[in-house]
């Protein structure tokens, strides 16, 4: 479950001048999707519908100084089945009443190729924090119809849900378990560059 959010390629490709840029994740054009095995031979897919976050970087840098912070509304999980979603929100899984958010905070970014990055950071689900790696691609940038500069990213990772205390399962009559442990996450992010304030520009 990922979160996240959360990818970075905001460097010389985006801004030639030296300084810090701030980019806000646009929740209307971003999605956190996941998939997990059901009954060992089918795949259930879902998404989190509400995410917010910030990407900051030093312009002119090679992206190693970039930081990413993202927060997902855990209750916004949607697998197209109301009963299953209610179970996922409950104490057996996300326990959203006690842990309403899933968060990600980067600790470092490594460039791995042309427009390719490895974003490493701390993911917190259900109060448990583990280090995860997001294999990230910068997809491009441009001006939206409102004149704002936007950039797009894709990130992928694989998690073991039990690492975050999501242990519930049920045995199948023919052997095996109902829910797989491995969870694949696909993150599509559009981020909007924020205008610098006069104070920030002067600094």
N, C-alpha and C. Protein backbone atom coordinates (compact mmCIF):
# COMPACT_ATOMS: atom_id res chain seq x y z
N UNK A 1 0.87 -1.17 0.00
CA UNK A 1 0.00 0.00 0.00
C UNK A 1 0.89 1.20 0.00
N UNK A 2 0.71 1.55 -0.76
CA UNK A 2 1.69 2.49 -0.99
C UNK A 2 1.26 3.82 -1.10
N UNK A 3 1.47 4.35 -0.80
CA UNK A 3 1.65 5.53 -0.96
C UNK A 3 2.11 6.55 -1.38
N UNK A 4 2.00 6.96 -2.44
CA UNK A 4 2.69 7.44 -2.10
C UNK A 4 3.14 7.99 -2.96
N UNK A 5 3.56 8.43 -2.55
CA UNK A 5 3.52 8.83 -3.01
C UNK A 5 4.33 9.38 -3.35
N UNK A 6 4.26 9.83 -5.13
CA UNK A 6 5.49 9.95 -4.44
C UNK A 6 6.60 9.50 -5.32
N UNK A 7 7.08 10.37 -6.08
CA UNK A 7 8.19 10.10 -6.98
C UNK A 7 8.87 11.40 -7.26
N UNK A 8 10.09 11.32 -7.73
CA UNK A 8 10.83 12.55 -7.90
C UNK A 8 11.70 12.55 -9.13
N UNK A 9 11.63 13.65 -9.86
CA UNK A 9 12.56 13.93 -10.94
C UNK A 9 12.54 15.43 -11.14
N UNK A 10 12.56 16.18 -10.04
CA UNK A 10 12.42 17.62 -10.10
C UNK A 10 13.81 18.22 -9.96
N UNK A 11 14.57 18.22 -11.02
CA UNK A 11 15.94 18.68 -10.98
C UNK A 11 16.18 19.59 -12.17
N UNK A 12 17.36 19.48 -12.79
CA UNK A 12 17.68 20.34 -13.92
C UNK A 12 16.68 20.18 -15.06
N UNK A 13 16.04 19.02 -15.16
CA UNK A 13 15.05 18.81 -16.21
C UNK A 13 13.90 19.79 -16.06
N UNK A 14 13.58 20.13 -14.80
CA UNK A 14 12.44 21.00 -14.56
C UNK A 14 12.82 22.46 -14.42
N UNK A 15 13.92 22.74 -13.78
CA UNK A 15 14.26 24.13 -13.50
C UNK A 15 15.76 24.35 -13.64
N UNK A 16 16.20 25.28 -14.47
CA UNK A 16 17.63 25.51 -14.63
C UNK A 16 18.25 26.34 -13.52
N UNK A 17 17.49 27.22 -12.90
CA UNK A 17 18.10 28.10 -11.91
C UNK A 17 18.23 27.41 -10.57
N UNK A 18 19.20 27.87 -9.77
CA UNK A 18 19.44 27.27 -8.47
C UNK A 18 18.44 27.83 -7.47
N UNK A 19 17.90 26.98 -6.62
CA UNK A 19 16.91 27.36 -5.63
C UNK A 19 16.06 26.15 -5.32
N UNK A 20 15.14 26.28 -4.40
CA UNK A 20 14.29 25.15 -4.06
C UNK A 20 12.92 25.29 -4.69
N UNK A 21 12.46 24.22 -5.33
CA UNK A 21 11.11 24.18 -5.89
C UNK A 21 10.23 23.33 -5.00
N UNK A 22 8.98 23.73 -4.89
CA UNK A 22 7.98 22.96 -4.16
C UNK A 22 6.87 22.56 -5.11
N UNK A 23 6.52 21.29 -5.11
CA UNK A 23 5.48 20.75 -5.99
C UNK A 23 4.46 20.03 -5.11
N UNK A 24 3.19 20.37 -5.32
CA UNK A 24 2.12 19.73 -4.55
C UNK A 24 1.45 18.66 -5.41
N UNK A 25 1.22 17.50 -4.81
CA UNK A 25 0.50 16.43 -5.50
C UNK A 25 -0.93 16.87 -5.76
N UNK A 26 -1.38 16.69 -7.00
CA UNK A 26 -2.74 17.01 -7.39
C UNK A 26 -3.60 15.76 -7.21
N UNK A 27 -4.44 15.72 -6.17
CA UNK A 27 -5.21 14.50 -5.90
C UNK A 27 -6.20 14.14 -7.00
N UNK A 28 -6.63 15.14 -7.77
CA UNK A 28 -7.60 14.88 -8.84
C UNK A 28 -6.97 14.15 -10.02
N UNK A 29 -5.64 14.20 -10.12
CA UNK A 29 -4.94 13.57 -11.25
C UNK A 29 -3.86 12.61 -10.77
N UNK A 30 -4.06 12.05 -9.59
CA UNK A 30 -3.11 11.10 -9.02
C UNK A 30 -3.89 9.90 -8.49
N UNK A 31 -3.25 8.74 -8.49
CA UNK A 31 -3.93 7.54 -8.01
C UNK A 31 -2.90 6.58 -7.41
N UNK A 32 -3.32 5.91 -6.33
CA UNK A 32 -2.53 4.87 -5.69
C UNK A 32 -3.29 3.56 -5.88
N UNK A 33 -2.77 2.66 -6.71
CA UNK A 33 -3.43 1.39 -7.00
C UNK A 33 -2.63 0.24 -6.40
N UNK A 34 -3.32 -0.86 -6.08
CA UNK A 34 -2.66 -2.03 -5.54
C UNK A 34 -3.35 -3.30 -6.03
N UNK A 35 -2.63 -4.40 -5.97
CA UNK A 35 -3.21 -5.69 -6.33
C UNK A 35 -2.67 -6.75 -5.38
N UNK A 36 -3.51 -7.77 -5.09
CA UNK A 36 -3.13 -8.85 -4.18
C UNK A 36 -3.86 -10.12 -4.63
N UNK A 37 -3.24 -11.26 -4.42
CA UNK A 37 -3.86 -12.53 -4.80
C UNK A 37 -5.00 -12.89 -3.86
N UNK A 38 -6.07 -13.46 -4.46
CA UNK A 38 -7.23 -13.92 -3.72
C UNK A 38 -7.42 -15.41 -4.03
N UNK A 39 -7.51 -16.23 -2.99
CA UNK A 39 -7.64 -17.69 -3.13
C UNK A 39 -6.47 -18.29 -3.92
N UNK A 40 -5.36 -17.58 -3.94
CA UNK A 40 -4.10 -18.05 -4.50
C UNK A 40 -4.04 -18.05 -6.03
N UNK A 41 -5.18 -17.83 -6.72
CA UNK A 41 -5.13 -17.93 -8.17
C UNK A 41 -5.87 -16.82 -8.91
N UNK A 42 -6.51 -15.90 -8.20
CA UNK A 42 -7.08 -14.73 -8.84
C UNK A 42 -6.48 -13.47 -8.22
N UNK A 43 -6.67 -12.34 -8.88
CA UNK A 43 -6.10 -11.08 -8.42
C UNK A 43 -7.19 -10.07 -8.14
N UNK A 44 -7.15 -9.49 -6.95
CA UNK A 44 -8.06 -8.40 -6.58
C UNK A 44 -7.29 -7.10 -6.68
N UNK A 45 -7.91 -6.10 -7.32
CA UNK A 45 -7.27 -4.80 -7.48
C UNK A 45 -8.09 -3.73 -6.76
N UNK A 46 -7.40 -2.74 -6.27
CA UNK A 46 -8.08 -1.64 -5.61
C UNK A 46 -7.26 -0.37 -5.70
N UNK A 47 -7.78 0.68 -5.07
CA UNK A 47 -7.09 1.97 -5.09
C UNK A 47 -7.44 2.75 -3.83
N UNK A 48 -6.60 3.72 -3.55
CA UNK A 48 -6.92 4.74 -2.55
C UNK A 48 -7.30 6.00 -3.30
N UNK A 49 -8.44 6.56 -2.98
CA UNK A 49 -9.00 7.65 -3.78
C UNK A 49 -8.58 9.03 -3.31
N UNK A 50 -7.95 9.13 -2.11
CA UNK A 50 -7.56 10.44 -1.60
C UNK A 50 -6.10 10.42 -1.15
N UNK A 51 -5.29 11.25 -1.79
CA UNK A 51 -3.87 11.35 -1.46
C UNK A 51 -3.45 12.81 -1.55
N UNK A 52 -2.53 13.21 -0.71
CA UNK A 52 -1.96 14.55 -0.78
C UNK A 52 -0.48 14.45 -0.42
N UNK A 53 0.28 15.46 -0.84
CA UNK A 53 1.69 15.41 -0.51
C UNK A 53 2.48 16.50 -1.18
N UNK A 54 3.78 16.53 -0.88
CA UNK A 54 4.67 17.59 -1.34
C UNK A 54 6.00 16.99 -1.78
N UNK A 55 6.52 17.50 -2.88
CA UNK A 55 7.84 17.15 -3.37
C UNK A 55 8.68 18.42 -3.38
N UNK A 56 9.86 18.36 -2.77
CA UNK A 56 10.76 19.52 -2.75
C UNK A 56 12.12 19.09 -3.28
N UNK A 57 12.77 19.99 -4.01
CA UNK A 57 14.10 19.67 -4.51
C UNK A 57 14.88 20.95 -4.76
N UNK A 58 16.19 20.78 -4.86
CA UNK A 58 17.06 21.88 -5.21
C UNK A 58 17.19 21.92 -6.73
N UNK A 59 16.79 23.02 -7.35
CA UNK A 59 16.94 23.18 -8.78
C UNK A 59 18.42 23.14 -9.14
N UNK A 60 18.71 22.49 -10.24
CA UNK A 60 20.09 22.40 -10.67
C UNK A 60 20.84 21.27 -10.01
N UNK A 61 20.21 20.57 -9.06
CA UNK A 61 20.84 19.44 -8.38
C UNK A 61 20.60 18.18 -9.19
N UNK A 62 21.27 17.07 -8.84
CA UNK A 62 21.08 15.83 -9.58
C UNK A 62 19.98 14.97 -8.96
N UNK A 63 19.17 15.54 -8.11
CA UNK A 63 17.99 14.92 -7.51
C UNK A 63 18.27 14.20 -6.20
N UNK A 64 19.52 14.11 -5.79
CA UNK A 64 19.81 13.41 -4.55
C UNK A 64 19.32 14.20 -3.33
N UNK A 65 19.10 15.50 -3.50
CA UNK A 65 18.63 16.31 -2.38
C UNK A 65 17.11 16.44 -2.35
N UNK A 66 16.41 15.73 -3.23
CA UNK A 66 14.96 15.82 -3.27
C UNK A 66 14.34 15.15 -2.05
N UNK A 67 13.18 15.64 -1.63
CA UNK A 67 12.41 15.03 -0.55
C UNK A 67 10.97 14.87 -0.98
N UNK A 68 10.36 13.81 -0.51
CA UNK A 68 8.97 13.51 -0.84
C UNK A 68 8.23 13.18 0.44
N UNK A 69 7.08 13.80 0.63
CA UNK A 69 6.20 13.46 1.74
C UNK A 69 4.79 13.31 1.19
N UNK A 70 4.13 12.22 1.58
CA UNK A 70 2.77 11.98 1.09
C UNK A 70 1.93 11.35 2.18
N UNK A 71 0.63 11.59 2.09
CA UNK A 71 -0.31 11.07 3.07
C UNK A 71 -1.55 10.58 2.34
N UNK A 72 -1.96 9.36 2.66
CA UNK A 72 -3.13 8.73 2.05
C UNK A 72 -4.23 8.60 3.09
N UNK A 73 -5.45 8.92 2.71
CA UNK A 73 -6.60 8.70 3.57
C UNK A 73 -6.94 7.21 3.52
N UNK A 74 -6.65 6.49 4.61
CA UNK A 74 -6.82 5.04 4.62
C UNK A 74 -8.27 4.63 4.35
N UNK A 75 -9.22 5.45 4.80
CA UNK A 75 -10.63 5.12 4.62
C UNK A 75 -11.08 5.26 3.17
N UNK A 76 -10.25 5.84 2.31
CA UNK A 76 -10.63 6.03 0.91
C UNK A 76 -10.35 4.79 0.07
N UNK A 77 -9.99 3.66 0.70
CA UNK A 77 -9.74 2.43 -0.04
C UNK A 77 -11.00 2.00 -0.79
N UNK A 78 -10.81 1.52 -2.03
CA UNK A 78 -11.94 1.17 -2.89
C UNK A 78 -11.55 -0.03 -3.74
N UNK A 79 -12.21 -1.17 -3.52
CA UNK A 79 -11.97 -2.37 -4.33
C UNK A 79 -13.22 -2.76 -5.12
N UNK A 80 -14.17 -1.83 -5.23
CA UNK A 80 -15.41 -2.04 -5.98
C UNK A 80 -16.32 -3.09 -5.32
N UNK A 81 -16.16 -3.31 -4.03
CA UNK A 81 -17.04 -4.21 -3.29
C UNK A 81 -17.22 -3.63 -1.89
N UNK A 82 -18.43 -3.19 -1.57
CA UNK A 82 -18.66 -2.47 -0.32
C UNK A 82 -18.36 -3.31 0.91
N UNK A 83 -18.75 -4.60 0.88
CA UNK A 83 -18.52 -5.45 2.04
C UNK A 83 -17.03 -5.68 2.26
N UNK A 84 -16.30 -5.91 1.17
CA UNK A 84 -14.86 -6.11 1.30
C UNK A 84 -14.18 -4.83 1.77
N UNK A 85 -14.59 -3.69 1.23
CA UNK A 85 -13.99 -2.42 1.65
C UNK A 85 -14.22 -2.16 3.13
N UNK A 86 -15.41 -2.49 3.62
CA UNK A 86 -15.70 -2.30 5.05
C UNK A 86 -14.79 -3.19 5.89
N UNK A 87 -14.54 -4.41 5.42
CA UNK A 87 -13.63 -5.31 6.13
C UNK A 87 -12.21 -4.76 6.12
N UNK A 88 -11.77 -4.24 4.99
CA UNK A 88 -10.43 -3.69 4.89
C UNK A 88 -10.24 -2.46 5.78
N UNK A 89 -11.30 -1.70 5.98
CA UNK A 89 -11.22 -0.52 6.85
C UNK A 89 -11.22 -0.89 8.33
N UNK A 90 -11.67 -2.10 8.63
CA UNK A 90 -11.86 -2.50 10.02
C UNK A 90 -10.61 -2.99 10.71
N UNK A 91 -10.74 -3.46 11.96
CA UNK A 91 -9.59 -3.85 12.79
C UNK A 91 -8.75 -4.99 12.21
N UNK A 92 -9.34 -5.85 11.37
CA UNK A 92 -8.56 -6.96 10.79
C UNK A 92 -7.48 -6.47 9.84
N UNK A 93 -7.69 -5.29 9.26
CA UNK A 93 -6.74 -4.79 8.28
C UNK A 93 -6.27 -3.38 8.65
N UNK A 94 -6.78 -2.35 8.02
CA UNK A 94 -6.24 -1.00 8.18
C UNK A 94 -6.63 -0.33 9.50
N UNK A 95 -7.74 -0.75 10.08
CA UNK A 95 -8.20 -0.19 11.37
C UNK A 95 -8.21 1.35 11.29
N UNK A 96 -8.99 1.87 10.35
CA UNK A 96 -8.92 3.30 10.04
C UNK A 96 -9.39 4.20 11.18
N UNK A 97 -10.20 3.69 12.09
CA UNK A 97 -10.63 4.51 13.22
C UNK A 97 -9.44 4.87 14.10
N UNK A 98 -8.49 3.95 14.23
CA UNK A 98 -7.29 4.20 15.04
C UNK A 98 -6.14 4.76 14.22
N UNK A 99 -6.07 4.38 12.95
CA UNK A 99 -4.96 4.79 12.09
C UNK A 99 -5.53 5.35 10.78
N UNK A 100 -6.00 6.59 10.81
CA UNK A 100 -6.72 7.15 9.65
C UNK A 100 -5.85 7.44 8.44
N UNK A 101 -4.54 7.50 8.60
CA UNK A 101 -3.69 7.86 7.46
C UNK A 101 -2.57 6.84 7.26
N UNK A 102 -2.16 6.72 6.01
CA UNK A 102 -0.96 6.00 5.60
C UNK A 102 0.02 7.07 5.11
N UNK A 103 1.25 7.03 5.59
CA UNK A 103 2.18 8.11 5.25
C UNK A 103 3.48 7.57 4.67
N UNK A 104 4.11 8.39 3.86
CA UNK A 104 5.43 8.09 3.30
C UNK A 104 6.30 9.32 3.42
N UNK A 105 7.55 9.13 3.86
CA UNK A 105 8.52 10.22 3.92
C UNK A 105 9.86 9.70 3.40
N UNK A 106 10.36 10.33 2.35
CA UNK A 106 11.59 9.86 1.74
C UNK A 106 12.79 10.15 2.64
N UNK A 107 13.81 9.29 2.51
CA UNK A 107 15.07 9.51 3.22
C UNK A 107 16.21 9.77 2.24
N UNK A 108 16.09 9.28 1.01
CA UNK A 108 17.10 9.57 -0.01
C UNK A 108 16.54 9.20 -1.38
N UNK A 109 17.16 9.80 -2.41
CA UNK A 109 16.77 9.53 -3.79
C UNK A 109 18.04 9.20 -4.57
N UNK A 110 18.00 8.11 -5.33
CA UNK A 110 19.14 7.68 -6.12
C UNK A 110 18.76 7.68 -7.59
N UNK A 111 19.60 8.29 -8.40
CA UNK A 111 19.36 8.27 -9.84
C UNK A 111 19.89 6.96 -10.41
N UNK A 112 19.05 6.24 -11.16
CA UNK A 112 19.43 4.93 -11.69
C UNK A 112 19.51 4.91 -13.21
N UNK A 113 19.12 5.98 -13.88
CA UNK A 113 19.17 6.03 -15.34
C UNK A 113 18.51 7.30 -15.84
N UNK A 114 18.39 7.41 -17.15
CA UNK A 114 17.74 8.56 -17.75
C UNK A 114 16.27 8.59 -17.34
N UNK A 115 15.91 9.60 -16.57
CA UNK A 115 14.53 9.75 -16.07
C UNK A 115 14.11 8.61 -15.15
N UNK A 116 15.06 7.90 -14.58
CA UNK A 116 14.77 6.78 -13.67
C UNK A 116 15.39 7.07 -12.30
N UNK A 117 14.62 6.82 -11.25
CA UNK A 117 15.07 7.10 -9.90
C UNK A 117 14.60 6.02 -8.94
N UNK A 118 15.33 5.87 -7.88
CA UNK A 118 14.94 5.00 -6.77
C UNK A 118 14.69 5.91 -5.57
N UNK A 119 13.43 5.99 -5.18
CA UNK A 119 13.04 6.83 -4.04
C UNK A 119 12.87 5.92 -2.83
N UNK A 120 13.70 6.13 -1.83
CA UNK A 120 13.74 5.27 -0.65
C UNK A 120 13.22 6.07 0.54
N UNK A 121 12.37 5.46 1.34
CA UNK A 121 11.83 6.20 2.48
C UNK A 121 11.05 5.32 3.42
N UNK A 122 10.44 5.96 4.40
CA UNK A 122 9.71 5.28 5.47
C UNK A 122 8.21 5.31 5.18
N UNK A 123 7.63 4.13 5.08
CA UNK A 123 6.20 3.98 4.89
C UNK A 123 5.58 3.53 6.20
N UNK A 124 4.51 4.23 6.61
CA UNK A 124 3.84 3.91 7.86
C UNK A 124 2.40 3.50 7.57
N UNK A 125 2.07 2.26 7.95
CA UNK A 125 0.72 1.73 7.80
C UNK A 125 0.32 1.13 9.14
N UNK A 126 -0.84 1.52 9.61
CA UNK A 126 -1.37 0.97 10.87
C UNK A 126 -0.38 1.17 12.02
N UNK A 127 0.33 2.29 11.99
CA UNK A 127 1.26 2.63 13.06
C UNK A 127 2.60 1.92 12.98
N UNK A 128 2.82 1.12 11.94
CA UNK A 128 4.08 0.39 11.77
C UNK A 128 4.85 1.03 10.62
N UNK A 129 6.12 1.33 10.86
CA UNK A 129 6.96 1.99 9.85
C UNK A 129 8.03 1.02 9.35
N UNK A 130 8.13 0.93 8.02
CA UNK A 130 9.15 0.10 7.37
C UNK A 130 9.76 0.90 6.21
N UNK A 131 11.02 0.62 5.92
CA UNK A 131 11.65 1.24 4.76
C UNK A 131 11.19 0.55 3.49
N UNK A 132 10.84 1.34 2.49
CA UNK A 132 10.43 0.81 1.20
C UNK A 132 11.18 1.55 0.10
N UNK A 133 11.22 0.95 -1.07
CA UNK A 133 11.87 1.54 -2.24
C UNK A 133 10.86 1.67 -3.36
N UNK A 134 10.73 2.87 -3.90
CA UNK A 134 9.85 3.13 -5.04
C UNK A 134 10.70 3.27 -6.29
N UNK A 135 10.51 2.35 -7.24
CA UNK A 135 11.18 2.46 -8.53
C UNK A 135 10.38 3.45 -9.38
N UNK A 136 11.01 4.58 -9.70
CA UNK A 136 10.28 5.76 -10.16
C UNK A 136 10.74 6.21 -11.54
N UNK A 137 9.76 6.62 -12.34
CA UNK A 137 10.03 7.17 -13.66
C UNK A 137 9.44 8.57 -13.77
N UNK A 138 10.24 9.51 -14.28
CA UNK A 138 9.74 10.85 -14.60
C UNK A 138 9.14 10.78 -15.99
N UNK A 139 7.84 11.16 -16.12
CA UNK A 139 7.12 11.01 -17.38
C UNK A 139 7.06 12.26 -18.23
N UNK A 140 7.44 13.42 -17.67
CA UNK A 140 7.41 14.66 -18.44
C UNK A 140 6.77 15.79 -17.66
N UNK A 141 6.76 16.97 -18.29
CA UNK A 141 6.18 18.15 -17.65
C UNK A 141 5.61 19.07 -18.71
N UNK A 142 4.80 20.03 -18.27
CA UNK A 142 4.21 21.00 -19.18
C UNK A 142 3.26 21.91 -18.44
N UNK A 143 2.60 22.79 -19.18
CA UNK A 143 1.63 23.72 -18.60
C UNK A 143 0.23 23.15 -18.76
N UNK A 144 -0.54 23.18 -17.67
CA UNK A 144 -1.93 22.74 -17.76
C UNK A 144 -2.80 23.88 -18.31
N UNK A 145 -4.10 23.65 -18.56
CA UNK A 145 -4.94 24.70 -19.13
C UNK A 145 -5.08 25.95 -18.28
N UNK A 146 -4.65 25.87 -17.01
CA UNK A 146 -4.75 27.02 -16.11
C UNK A 146 -3.41 27.75 -15.97
N UNK A 147 -2.44 27.37 -16.81
CA UNK A 147 -1.15 28.04 -16.81
C UNK A 147 -0.19 27.57 -15.73
N UNK A 148 -0.55 26.50 -15.02
CA UNK A 148 0.32 25.98 -13.97
C UNK A 148 1.28 24.95 -14.57
N UNK A 149 2.52 24.95 -14.05
CA UNK A 149 3.48 23.95 -14.49
C UNK A 149 3.26 22.66 -13.71
N UNK A 150 3.12 21.56 -14.45
CA UNK A 150 2.86 20.27 -13.82
C UNK A 150 3.87 19.24 -14.31
N UNK A 151 4.07 18.21 -13.51
CA UNK A 151 4.99 17.13 -13.87
C UNK A 151 4.35 15.80 -13.49
N UNK A 152 4.68 14.76 -14.25
CA UNK A 152 4.08 13.45 -14.01
C UNK A 152 5.12 12.40 -13.68
N UNK A 153 4.74 11.46 -12.79
CA UNK A 153 5.64 10.42 -12.32
C UNK A 153 4.89 9.10 -12.18
N UNK A 154 5.60 8.02 -12.38
CA UNK A 154 5.08 6.69 -12.10
C UNK A 154 6.05 5.99 -11.15
N UNK A 155 5.52 5.34 -10.13
CA UNK A 155 6.36 4.62 -9.18
C UNK A 155 5.73 3.26 -8.89
N UNK A 156 6.58 2.27 -8.66
CA UNK A 156 6.12 0.92 -8.36
C UNK A 156 6.90 0.34 -7.19
N UNK A 157 6.24 -0.50 -6.42
CA UNK A 157 6.92 -1.21 -5.33
C UNK A 157 6.12 -2.46 -5.00
N UNK A 158 6.76 -3.37 -4.28
CA UNK A 158 6.11 -4.59 -3.79
C UNK A 158 6.32 -4.67 -2.29
N UNK A 159 5.24 -4.95 -1.56
CA UNK A 159 5.29 -5.01 -0.10
C UNK A 159 4.80 -6.37 0.38
N UNK A 160 5.19 -6.73 1.59
CA UNK A 160 4.58 -7.84 2.30
C UNK A 160 3.66 -7.23 3.35
N UNK A 161 2.37 -7.45 3.23
CA UNK A 161 1.41 -6.80 4.12
C UNK A 161 1.65 -7.16 5.59
N UNK A 162 2.19 -8.35 5.84
CA UNK A 162 2.42 -8.76 7.23
C UNK A 162 3.52 -7.94 7.90
N UNK A 163 4.38 -7.31 7.10
CA UNK A 163 5.40 -6.43 7.68
C UNK A 163 4.77 -5.25 8.40
N UNK A 164 3.51 -4.95 8.06
CA UNK A 164 2.81 -3.80 8.64
C UNK A 164 1.68 -4.23 9.58
N UNK A 165 1.72 -5.48 9.99
CA UNK A 165 0.72 -5.96 10.94
C UNK A 165 -0.62 -6.31 10.32
N UNK A 166 -0.69 -6.41 8.99
CA UNK A 166 -1.94 -6.78 8.31
C UNK A 166 -1.95 -8.30 8.16
N UNK A 167 -2.25 -8.98 9.25
CA UNK A 167 -2.03 -10.43 9.33
C UNK A 167 -3.26 -11.28 9.07
N UNK A 168 -4.44 -10.68 9.02
CA UNK A 168 -5.67 -11.50 8.92
C UNK A 168 -5.64 -12.38 7.69
N UNK A 169 -6.16 -13.62 7.87
CA UNK A 169 -6.29 -14.53 6.74
C UNK A 169 -7.31 -15.60 7.11
N UNK A 170 -7.63 -16.43 6.13
CA UNK A 170 -8.55 -17.54 6.36
C UNK A 170 -8.06 -18.73 5.55
N UNK A 171 -8.10 -19.92 6.18
CA UNK A 171 -7.65 -21.14 5.50
C UNK A 171 -8.71 -21.60 4.50
N UNK A 172 -8.25 -22.09 3.36
CA UNK A 172 -9.14 -22.63 2.34
C UNK A 172 -9.33 -24.13 2.56
N UNK A 173 -10.50 -24.62 2.22
CA UNK A 173 -10.81 -26.03 2.43
C UNK A 173 -9.85 -26.95 1.69
N UNK A 174 -9.43 -26.53 0.49
CA UNK A 174 -8.54 -27.36 -0.30
C UNK A 174 -7.07 -27.11 -0.03
N UNK A 175 -6.78 -26.29 0.97
CA UNK A 175 -5.40 -25.93 1.29
C UNK A 175 -5.07 -24.53 0.83
N UNK A 176 -4.11 -23.93 1.47
CA UNK A 176 -3.73 -22.56 1.13
C UNK A 176 -4.53 -21.55 1.92
N UNK A 177 -4.32 -20.26 1.60
CA UNK A 177 -4.94 -19.16 2.32
C UNK A 177 -5.74 -18.26 1.39
N UNK A 178 -6.71 -17.57 1.96
CA UNK A 178 -7.62 -16.74 1.17
C UNK A 178 -6.92 -15.53 0.56
N UNK A 179 -6.07 -14.84 1.34
CA UNK A 179 -5.46 -13.58 0.91
C UNK A 179 -3.94 -13.76 0.81
N UNK A 180 -3.37 -13.33 -0.29
CA UNK A 180 -1.93 -13.40 -0.46
C UNK A 180 -1.21 -12.39 0.42
N UNK A 181 0.05 -12.68 0.72
CA UNK A 181 0.85 -11.76 1.54
C UNK A 181 1.45 -10.64 0.71
N UNK A 182 1.80 -10.93 -0.55
CA UNK A 182 2.47 -9.94 -1.40
C UNK A 182 1.48 -8.95 -1.97
N UNK A 183 1.85 -7.69 -1.91
CA UNK A 183 1.00 -6.62 -2.44
C UNK A 183 1.83 -5.78 -3.41
N UNK A 184 1.36 -5.67 -4.64
CA UNK A 184 2.02 -4.85 -5.65
C UNK A 184 1.32 -3.49 -5.73
N UNK A 185 2.09 -2.43 -5.72
CA UNK A 185 1.53 -1.07 -5.76
C UNK A 185 2.01 -0.33 -7.00
N UNK A 186 1.09 0.39 -7.63
CA UNK A 186 1.39 1.25 -8.77
C UNK A 186 0.90 2.65 -8.43
N UNK A 187 1.80 3.63 -8.52
CA UNK A 187 1.51 5.00 -8.12
C UNK A 187 1.65 5.91 -9.32
N UNK A 188 0.60 6.63 -9.66
CA UNK A 188 0.64 7.63 -10.74
C UNK A 188 0.40 8.99 -10.11
N UNK A 189 1.38 9.87 -10.27
CA UNK A 189 1.33 11.17 -9.60
C UNK A 189 1.44 12.30 -10.61
N UNK A 190 0.57 13.30 -10.46
CA UNK A 190 0.76 14.58 -11.14
C UNK A 190 0.99 15.62 -10.04
N UNK A 191 2.07 16.38 -10.19
CA UNK A 191 2.42 17.39 -9.19
C UNK A 191 2.42 18.77 -9.83
N UNK A 192 1.98 19.75 -9.07
CA UNK A 192 1.85 21.12 -9.56
C UNK A 192 2.88 22.00 -8.87
N UNK A 193 3.66 22.73 -9.65
CA UNK A 193 4.68 23.60 -9.08
C UNK A 193 4.02 24.79 -8.39
N UNK A 194 4.49 25.06 -7.17
CA UNK A 194 3.95 26.15 -6.38
C UNK A 194 4.76 27.42 -6.61
N UNK A 195 4.06 28.53 -6.65
CA UNK A 195 4.76 29.79 -6.84
C UNK A 195 5.51 30.18 -5.57
N UNK A 196 6.72 30.70 -5.76
CA UNK A 196 7.50 31.17 -4.63
C UNK A 196 6.93 32.48 -4.11
N UNK A 197 6.95 32.64 -2.79
CA UNK A 197 6.52 33.91 -2.21
C UNK A 197 7.64 34.94 -2.36
N UNK A 198 7.29 36.19 -2.19
CA UNK A 198 8.28 37.26 -2.29
C UNK A 198 9.39 37.07 -1.26
N UNK A 199 9.02 36.60 -0.06
CA UNK A 199 10.01 36.38 0.98
C UNK A 199 10.97 35.27 0.58
N UNK A 200 10.41 34.18 0.01
CA UNK A 200 11.25 33.08 -0.40
C UNK A 200 12.18 33.48 -1.54
N UNK A 201 11.67 34.29 -2.48
CA UNK A 201 12.50 34.73 -3.60
C UNK A 201 13.63 35.62 -3.11
N UNK A 202 13.32 36.50 -2.13
CA UNK A 202 14.34 37.38 -1.61
C UNK A 202 15.43 36.61 -0.88
N UNK A 203 15.03 35.55 -0.18
CA UNK A 203 15.98 34.74 0.56
C UNK A 203 16.92 34.01 -0.39
